[in-house]
Amino acid sequence: MSMRALIFGSLGQVGLALQQTAPSSVSVAAHDVDQTDIRDRASVSRAINEAKPDVVINCAAFTNVDGAESHADDAMEANGVAPGIIAEAAKAAGVRLIHLSTD
């Protein structure tokens, strides 16, 4: 049985590792900020509707710890607001979501 996965944050360390280690039975659609702005509801919904995944894996994040202090709004949007947007879009499409995060 084949599975389709949509990965957000595909050019980060975790996103790249997931692509490289995905079983051959998994078809991966890899999206980074150039393909999908995870802070934008329409962009996320469009990506999910076009990819028709069985699972969405969110690896996207604002990971620059020092930069997060000077760009707190950007960090909050990427790490706080965007996962909710992705969750809502996945739920509306009936798709499972895996959200990876650090502390």
Protein backbone atom coordinates (compact mmCIF):
# COMPACT_ATOMS: atom_id res chain seq x y z
CA MET A 1 0.00 0.00 0.00
CA SER A 2 1.34 3.40 -0.97
CA MET A 3 1.15 6.44 1.28
CA ARG A 4 1.38 10.12 0.35
CA ALA A 5 3.09 12.55 2.70
CA LEU A 6 3.33 16.32 2.51
CA ILE A 7 6.32 17.75 4.34
CA PHE A 8 6.43 21.42 5.30
CA GLY A 9 9.90 22.72 6.13
CA SER A 10 11.45 20.40 3.58
CA LEU A 11 14.81 22.18 3.34
CA GLY A 12 15.57 22.12 7.07
CA GLN A 13 17.60 19.40 8.76
CA VAL A 14 14.61 17.32 9.83
CA GLY A 15 12.69 17.81 6.58
CA LEU A 16 15.69 16.73 4.52
CA ALA A 17 16.32 13.72 6.78
CA LEU A 18 12.69 12.61 6.44
CA GLN A 19 12.91 12.82 2.66
CA GLN A 20 16.16 10.86 2.57
CA THR A 21 14.86 8.09 4.84
CA ALA A 22 11.28 7.79 3.61
CA PRO A 23 10.37 4.23 2.68
CA SER A 24 9.95 3.59 -1.02
CA SER A 25 6.24 3.03 -0.43
CA VAL A 26 5.84 6.69 0.61
CA SER A 27 5.37 9.35 -2.04
CA VAL A 28 6.67 12.65 -0.65
CA ALA A 29 5.60 16.15 -1.65
CA ALA A 30 8.25 18.45 -0.20
CA HIS A 31 7.38 22.09 0.44
CA ASP A 32 9.52 24.82 1.89
CA VAL A 33 8.76 28.52 2.24
CA ASP A 34 9.16 29.04 -1.53
CA GLN A 35 6.27 26.64 -2.21
CA THR A 36 4.04 27.24 0.81
CA ASP A 37 3.92 30.05 3.36
CA ILE A 38 2.71 28.13 6.41
CA ARG A 39 1.52 31.39 7.99
CA ASP A 40 -1.04 31.82 5.21
CA ARG A 41 -4.28 29.82 5.49
CA ALA A 42 -4.99 29.84 1.76
CA SER A 43 -1.46 28.75 0.90
CA VAL A 44 -1.56 25.84 3.36
CA SER A 45 -5.03 24.71 2.24
CA ARG A 46 -3.99 24.88 -1.39
CA ALA A 47 -0.86 22.79 -0.72
CA ILE A 48 -2.87 20.11 1.07
CA ASN A 49 -5.61 20.05 -1.55
CA GLU A 50 -3.08 19.78 -4.40
CA ALA A 51 -0.85 17.15 -2.77
CA LYS A 52 -3.77 15.05 -1.51
CA PRO A 53 -1.61 13.56 1.25
CA ASP A 54 -2.52 10.88 3.76
CA VAL A 55 -0.37 12.69 6.30
CA VAL A 56 1.08 16.19 6.68
CA ILE A 57 4.39 16.40 8.51
CA ASN A 58 5.27 19.88 9.75
CA CYS A 59 9.01 20.37 10.23
CA ALA A 60 8.92 24.11 9.54
CA ALA A 61 10.03 26.41 12.32
CA PHE A 62 11.86 29.57 13.23
CA THR A 63 14.96 27.91 14.67
CA ASN A 64 17.40 30.79 15.11
CA VAL A 65 17.32 31.09 18.90
CA ASP A 66 19.23 34.38 19.06
CA GLY A 67 17.24 35.78 16.14
CA ALA A 68 13.97 34.82 17.82
CA GLU A 69 14.66 37.36 20.54
CA SER A 70 15.10 40.21 18.08
CA HIS A 71 12.37 38.91 15.73
CA ALA A 72 9.85 37.72 18.32
CA ASP A 73 6.80 38.37 16.11
CA ASP A 74 8.23 36.30 13.24
CA ALA A 75 9.17 33.49 15.62
CA MET A 76 5.68 33.49 17.16
CA GLU A 77 4.01 33.35 13.76
CA ALA A 78 6.17 30.46 12.54
CA ASN A 79 6.27 28.46 15.76
CA GLY A 80 3.00 29.40 17.42
CA VAL A 81 0.42 30.51 14.88
CA ALA A 82 1.37 28.51 11.78
CA PRO A 83 1.05 25.07 13.39
CA GLY A 84 -2.55 25.95 14.25
CA ILE A 85 -3.20 27.00 10.67
CA ILE A 86 -1.76 23.71 9.42
CA ALA A 87 -3.79 21.74 11.98
CA GLU A 88 -7.03 23.43 10.93
CA ALA A 89 -6.35 22.84 7.23
CA ALA A 90 -5.40 19.21 7.82
CA LYS A 91 -8.54 18.63 9.88
CA ALA A 92 -10.72 20.24 7.20
CA ALA A 93 -9.16 17.94 4.59
CA GLY A 94 -9.48 14.86 6.80
CA VAL A 95 -5.70 14.40 6.86
CA ARG A 96 -3.53 13.33 9.79
CA LEU A 97 -0.92 15.80 11.03
CA ILE A 98 2.44 15.17 12.63
CA HIS A 99 3.97 18.31 14.10
CA LEU A 100 7.61 18.18 15.13
CA SER A 101 8.85 20.72 17.61
CA THR A 102 11.62 21.44 20.05
CA ASP A 103 11.40 23.14 23.40
